Amino acid sequence: MDRVLVIGCPGAGKSTFARALRDRTGLPLHYLDRIWHKPDGSSVSRAEFDERLSAILAQDRWIIDGNYQRTLATRLERCDTVFLLDYPLSVCLAGAAARIGTVREDLPWVEQEFNPEFRQWIEGFPQKQLPQIYELLEHYREGRQIFRFRTRQEADGWLRGLNQG
């Protein structure tokens, strides 16, 4: 496990899982939200994002946290391990709501409200994004370890097992 993707619905706890994995493995952690977003909430250009992502992908060891479906196939080609946090929508909505007002390592600003547009994107994730993720994971499954966790307890149990290994 040298090149790891952590993906799933916003609010599932991808960044929390990725940090725990980093702390246990020593792998460098990169947040796609930190690459894409500027502190003022605007975004870098696609070209700049792609350039920065390519530089990370060229490294031998990393954890990349985030979906960014447009670049998922590119990241899947290079990774050796994928963690899909495939939690119920209610868990993801609660997770996204709970982090409002919190300083986060993975985001360059503090969310002050649960943005209605973002909430709507989360609500559509199971129908719009998840089927595409399943397809890509099936296509890229050969030569990769793919872990799909349905609950936070499953993910936490896996991390505990990593500590004992």
C-alpha atoms as a PDB file:
ATOM      1  CA  MET A   1       0.000   0.000   0.000  1.00  0.00           C
ATOM      2  CA  ASP A   2       1.943   2.968  -1.359  1.00  0.00           C
ATOM      3  CA  ARG A   3      -0.497   4.942  -3.542  1.00  0.00           C
ATOM      4  CA  VAL A   4      -3.910   5.253  -1.918  1.00  0.00           C
ATOM      5  CA  LEU A   5      -7.201   6.892  -2.874  1.00  0.00           C
ATOM      6  CA  VAL A   6      -9.869   7.727  -0.288  1.00  0.00           C
ATOM      7  CA  ILE A   7     -13.191   8.431  -1.996  1.00  0.00           C
ATOM      8  CA  GLY A   8     -16.866   8.666  -1.074  1.00  0.00           C
ATOM      9  CA  CYS A   9     -19.720  11.066  -0.556  1.00  0.00           C
ATOM     10  CA  PRO A  10     -18.951  14.452   1.010  1.00  0.00           C
ATOM     11  CA  GLY A  11     -19.565  14.242   4.745  1.00  0.00           C
ATOM     12  CA  ALA A  12     -18.659  10.543   4.931  1.00  0.00           C
ATOM     13  CA  GLY A  13     -15.422  11.301   6.742  1.00  0.00           C
ATOM     14  CA  LYS A  14     -12.903  10.794   3.939  1.00  0.00           C
ATOM     15  CA  SER A  15     -10.482  13.337   5.359  1.00  0.00           C
ATOM     16  CA  THR A  16     -10.733  11.927   8.877  1.00  0.00           C
ATOM     17  CA  PHE A  17     -10.083   8.417   7.554  1.00  0.00           C
ATOM     18  CA  ALA A  18      -7.223   9.667   5.355  1.00  0.00           C
ATOM     19  CA  ARG A  19      -5.566  11.432   8.308  1.00  0.00           C
ATOM     20  CA  ALA A  20      -5.817   8.294  10.446  1.00  0.00           C
ATOM     21  CA  LEU A  21      -4.323   6.268   7.600  1.00  0.00           C
ATOM     22  CA  ARG A  22      -1.514   8.819   7.195  1.00  0.00           C
ATOM     23  CA  ASP A  23      -0.772   8.712  10.909  1.00  0.00           C
ATOM     24  CA  ARG A  24      -0.545   4.910  10.853  1.00  0.00           C
ATOM     25  CA  THR A  25       1.420   4.511   7.594  1.00  0.00           C
ATOM     26  CA  GLY A  26       3.523   7.657   7.277  1.00  0.00           C
ATOM     27  CA  LEU A  27       2.323   8.127   3.693  1.00  0.00           C
ATOM     28  CA  PRO A  28       2.135  11.777   2.545  1.00  0.00           C
ATOM     29  CA  LEU A  29      -1.461  13.014   2.440  1.00  0.00           C
ATOM     30  CA  HIS A  30      -2.836  15.333  -0.246  1.00  0.00           C
ATOM     31  CA  TYR A  31      -6.327  16.851  -0.149  1.00  0.00           C
ATOM     32  CA  LEU A  32      -7.898  17.558  -3.540  1.00  0.00           C
ATOM     33  CA  ASP A  33     -10.001  20.315  -1.950  1.00  0.00           C
ATOM     34  CA  ARG A  34      -6.763  22.088  -0.954  1.00  0.00           C
ATOM     35  CA  ILE A  35      -5.485  21.822  -4.517  1.00  0.00           C
ATOM     36  CA  TRP A  36      -8.711  23.024  -6.160  1.00  0.00           C
ATOM     37  CA  HIS A  37      -9.916  25.710  -3.753  1.00  0.00           C
ATOM     38  CA  LYS A  38      -8.282  28.986  -2.856  1.00  0.00           C
ATOM     39  CA  PRO A  39      -8.755  30.426   0.671  1.00  0.00           C
ATOM     40  CA  ASP A  40     -11.290  32.959  -0.678  1.00  0.00           C
ATOM     41  CA  GLY A  41     -13.524  30.129  -1.947  1.00  0.00           C
ATOM     42  CA  SER A  42     -12.635  30.550  -5.598  1.00  0.00           C
ATOM     43  CA  SER A  43     -10.916  27.812  -7.594  1.00  0.00           C
ATOM     44  CA  VAL A  44      -7.720  27.399  -9.542  1.00  0.00           C
ATOM     45  CA  SER A  45      -7.941  26.672 -13.278  1.00  0.00           C
ATOM     46  CA  ARG A  46      -8.421  23.080 -14.424  1.00  0.00           C
ATOM     47  CA  ALA A  47      -4.968  23.260 -16.010  1.00  0.00           C
ATOM     48  CA  GLU A  48      -3.350  24.287 -12.709  1.00  0.00           C
ATOM     49  CA  PHE A  49      -5.280  21.618 -10.799  1.00  0.00           C
ATOM     50  CA  ASP A  50      -4.263  18.944 -13.317  1.00  0.00           C
ATOM     51  CA  GLU A  51      -0.629  20.041 -13.190  1.00  0.00           C
ATOM     52  CA  ARG A  52      -0.526  19.894  -9.399  1.00  0.00           C
ATOM     53  CA  LEU A  53      -2.301  16.528  -9.372  1.00  0.00           C
ATOM     54  CA  SER A  54       0.117  15.124 -11.972  1.00  0.00           C
ATOM     55  CA  ALA A  55       3.054  16.128  -9.787  1.00  0.00           C
ATOM     56  CA  ILE A  56       1.559  14.189  -6.860  1.00  0.00           C
ATOM     57  CA  LEU A  57       0.739  11.161  -9.020  1.00  0.00           C
ATOM     58  CA  ALA A  58       4.341  11.053 -10.249  1.00  0.00           C
ATOM     59  CA  GLN A  59       5.534  10.423  -6.686  1.00  0.00           C
ATOM     60  CA  ASP A  60       6.010   6.874  -5.414  1.00  0.00           C
ATOM     61  CA  ARG A  61       3.986   7.185  -2.206  1.00  0.00           C
ATOM     62  CA  TRP A  62       0.846   9.132  -1.352  1.00  0.00           C
ATOM     63  CA  ILE A  63      -2.692   9.232  -0.059  1.00  0.00           C
ATOM     64  CA  ILE A  64      -5.094  11.365  -2.090  1.00  0.00           C
ATOM     65  CA  ASP A  65      -8.337  12.383  -0.382  1.00  0.00           C
ATOM     66  CA  GLY A  66     -11.277  13.428  -2.533  1.00  0.00           C
ATOM     67  CA  ASN A  67     -13.573  12.481  -5.380  1.00  0.00           C
ATOM     68  CA  TYR A  68     -13.214  14.992  -8.212  1.00  0.00           C
ATOM     69  CA  GLN A  69     -14.790  12.549 -10.641  1.00  0.00           C
ATOM     70  CA  ARG A  70     -13.233  14.220 -13.695  1.00  0.00           C
ATOM     71  CA  THR A  71      -9.789  12.964 -12.621  1.00  0.00           C
ATOM     72  CA  LEU A  72     -10.791   9.746 -10.877  1.00  0.00           C
ATOM     73  CA  ALA A  73      -9.817   7.432 -13.762  1.00  0.00           C
ATOM     74  CA  THR A  74      -6.377   9.059 -13.938  1.00  0.00           C
ATOM     75  CA  ARG A  75      -5.865   8.528 -10.218  1.00  0.00           C
ATOM     76  CA  LEU A  76      -7.180   4.954 -10.366  1.00  0.00           C
ATOM     77  CA  GLU A  77      -4.650   4.125 -13.078  1.00  0.00           C
ATOM     78  CA  ARG A  78      -1.806   5.076 -10.744  1.00  0.00           C
ATOM     79  CA  CYS A  79      -3.056   3.888  -7.340  1.00  0.00           C
ATOM     80  CA  ASP A  80      -2.595   0.490  -5.727  1.00  0.00           C
ATOM     81  CA  THR A  81      -5.266   0.818  -3.014  1.00  0.00           C
ATOM     82  CA  VAL A  82      -8.731   2.403  -2.870  1.00  0.00           C
ATOM     83  CA  PHE A  83     -10.917   3.043   0.147  1.00  0.00           C
ATOM     84  CA  LEU A  84     -14.536   3.799  -0.748  1.00  0.00           C
ATOM     85  CA  LEU A  85     -16.524   5.138   2.186  1.00  0.00           C
ATOM     86  CA  ASP A  86     -19.959   4.054   0.954  1.00  0.00           C
ATOM     87  CA  TYR A  87     -22.148   5.242   3.809  1.00  0.00           C
ATOM     88  CA  PRO A  88     -25.883   5.971   3.958  1.00  0.00           C
ATOM     89  CA  LEU A  89     -26.922   9.421   2.799  1.00  0.00           C
ATOM     90  CA  SER A  90     -28.173  10.323   6.297  1.00  0.00           C
ATOM     91  CA  VAL A  91     -24.683   9.707   7.737  1.00  0.00           C
ATOM     92  CA  CYS A  92     -23.071  11.894   5.068  1.00  0.00           C
ATOM     93  CA  LEU A  93     -25.542  14.747   5.518  1.00  0.00           C
ATOM     94  CA  ALA A  94     -25.039  14.654   9.286  1.00  0.00           C
ATOM     95  CA  GLY A  95     -21.255  14.572   8.814  1.00  0.00           C
ATOM     96  CA  ALA A  96     -21.299  17.577   6.492  1.00  0.00           C
ATOM     97  CA  ALA A  97     -23.579  19.519   8.862  1.00  0.00           C
ATOM     98  CA  ALA A  98     -21.447  18.676  11.910  1.00  0.00           C
ATOM     99  CA  ARG A  99     -18.289  20.219  10.464  1.00  0.00           C
ATOM    100  CA  ILE A 100     -19.815  23.677   9.872  1.00  0.00           C
ATOM    101  CA  GLY A 101     -17.790  26.273  11.774  1.00  0.00           C
ATOM    102  CA  THR A 102     -14.807  23.949  12.245  1.00  0.00           C
ATOM    103  CA  VAL A 103     -11.243  24.700  11.164  1.00  0.00           C
ATOM    104  CA  ARG A 104     -10.209  21.811   8.939  1.00  0.00           C
ATOM    105  CA  GLU A 105      -6.852  20.655   7.624  1.00  0.00           C
ATOM    106  CA  ASP A 106      -8.463  19.586   4.345  1.00  0.00           C
ATOM    107  CA  LEU A 107     -10.211  22.853   3.413  1.00  0.00           C
ATOM    108  CA  PRO A 108      -8.644  26.326   3.107  1.00  0.00           C
ATOM    109  CA  TRP A 109     -11.532  28.132   4.821  1.00  0.00           C
ATOM    110  CA  VAL A 110     -14.110  27.586   7.548  1.00  0.00           C
ATOM    111  CA  GLU A 111     -17.588  26.765   6.306  1.00  0.00           C
ATOM    112  CA  GLN A 112     -20.031  29.159   7.962  1.00  0.00           C
ATOM    113  CA  GLU A 113     -23.241  27.502   6.768  1.00  0.00           C
ATOM    114  CA  PHE A 114     -24.458  24.321   5.142  1.00  0.00           C
ATOM    115  CA  ASN A 115     -24.549  25.678   1.608  1.00  0.00           C
ATOM    116  CA  PRO A 116     -27.898  24.654   0.032  1.00  0.00           C
ATOM    117  CA  GLU A 117     -26.244  23.904  -3.331  1.00  0.00           C
ATOM    118  CA  PHE A 118     -23.648  21.689  -1.638  1.00  0.00           C
ATOM    119  CA  ARG A 119     -26.380  19.931   0.350  1.00  0.00           C
ATOM    120  CA  GLN A 120     -28.260  19.268  -2.886  1.00  0.00           C
ATOM    121  CA  TRP A 121     -25.074  17.854  -4.471  1.00  0.00           C
ATOM    122  CA  ILE A 122     -24.672  15.482  -1.495  1.00  0.00           C
ATOM    123  CA  GLU A 123     -28.323  14.433  -1.760  1.00  0.00           C
ATOM    124  CA  GLY A 124     -27.810  13.581  -5.450  1.00  0.00           C
ATOM    125  CA  PHE A 125     -24.534  11.735  -4.880  1.00  0.00           C
ATOM    126  CA  PRO A 126     -26.029   8.211  -4.507  1.00  0.00           C
ATOM    127  CA  GLN A 127     -27.866   8.491  -7.841  1.00  0.00           C
ATOM    128  CA  LYS A 128     -25.470  10.637  -9.874  1.00  0.00           C
ATOM    129  CA  GLN A 129     -21.899  10.029  -8.688  1.00  0.00           C
ATOM    130  CA  LEU A 130     -21.889   6.648  -6.974  1.00  0.00           C
ATOM    131  CA  PRO A 131     -22.876   4.545 -10.008  1.00  0.00           C
ATOM    132  CA  GLN A 132     -19.971   6.086 -11.963  1.00  0.00           C
ATOM    133  CA  ILE A 133     -17.607   5.333  -9.087  1.00  0.00           C
ATOM    134  CA  TYR A 134     -18.757   1.689  -9.004  1.00  0.00           C
ATOM    135  CA  GLU A 135     -18.176   1.408 -12.766  1.00  0.00           C
ATOM    136  CA  LEU A 136     -14.682   2.874 -12.535  1.00  0.00           C
ATOM    137  CA  LEU A 137     -13.758   0.653  -9.598  1.00  0.00           C
ATOM    138  CA  GLU A 138     -14.917  -2.400 -11.529  1.00  0.00           C
ATOM    139  CA  HIS A 139     -12.907  -1.322 -14.561  1.00  0.00           C
ATOM    140  CA  TYR A 140      -9.730  -0.697 -12.518  1.00  0.00           C
ATOM    141  CA  ARG A 141     -10.069  -3.509  -9.963  1.00  0.00           C
ATOM    142  CA  GLU A 142      -7.268  -5.677 -11.370  1.00  0.00           C
ATOM    143  CA  GLY A 143      -3.987  -5.138  -9.567  1.00  0.00           C
ATOM    144  CA  ARG A 144      -5.545  -2.979  -6.848  1.00  0.00           C
ATOM    145  CA  GLN A 145      -6.848  -3.557  -3.368  1.00  0.00           C
ATOM    146  CA  ILE A 146     -10.318  -2.061  -3.103  1.00  0.00           C
ATOM    147  CA  PHE A 147     -11.953  -1.676   0.284  1.00  0.00           C
ATOM    148  CA  ARG A 148     -15.613  -0.668   0.470  1.00  0.00           C
ATOM    149  CA  PHE A 149     -16.831   0.287   3.921  1.00  0.00           C
ATOM    150  CA  ARG A 150     -20.569   0.630   4.553  1.00  0.00           C
ATOM    151  CA  THR A 151     -20.253   2.046   8.084  1.00  0.00           C
ATOM    152  CA  ARG A 152     -17.782   4.103  10.063  1.00  0.00           C
ATOM    153  CA  GLN A 153     -17.445   1.131  12.409  1.00  0.00           C
ATOM    154  CA  GLU A 154     -16.152  -1.021   9.533  1.00  0.00           C
ATOM    155  CA  ALA A 155     -13.597   1.630   8.569  1.00  0.00           C
ATOM    156  CA  ASP A 156     -12.513   2.156  12.186  1.00  0.00           C
ATOM    157  CA  GLY A 157     -12.186  -1.616  12.675  1.00  0.00           C
ATOM    158  CA  TRP A 158      -9.969  -1.863   9.606  1.00  0.00           C
ATOM    159  CA  LEU A 159      -7.751   0.945  10.905  1.00  0.00           C
ATOM    160  CA  ARG A 160      -7.500  -0.764  14.318  1.00  0.00           C
ATOM    161  CA  GLY A 161      -6.431  -3.965  12.544  1.00  0.00           C
ATOM    162  CA  LEU A 162      -3.753  -2.036  10.677  1.00  0.00           C
ATOM    163  CA  ASN A 163      -2.324  -0.918  14.015  1.00  0.00           C
ATOM    164  CA  GLN A 164      -2.126  -4.514  15.194  1.00  0.00           C
ATOM    165  CA  GLY A 165      -0.512  -5.771  11.968  1.00  0.00           C
END
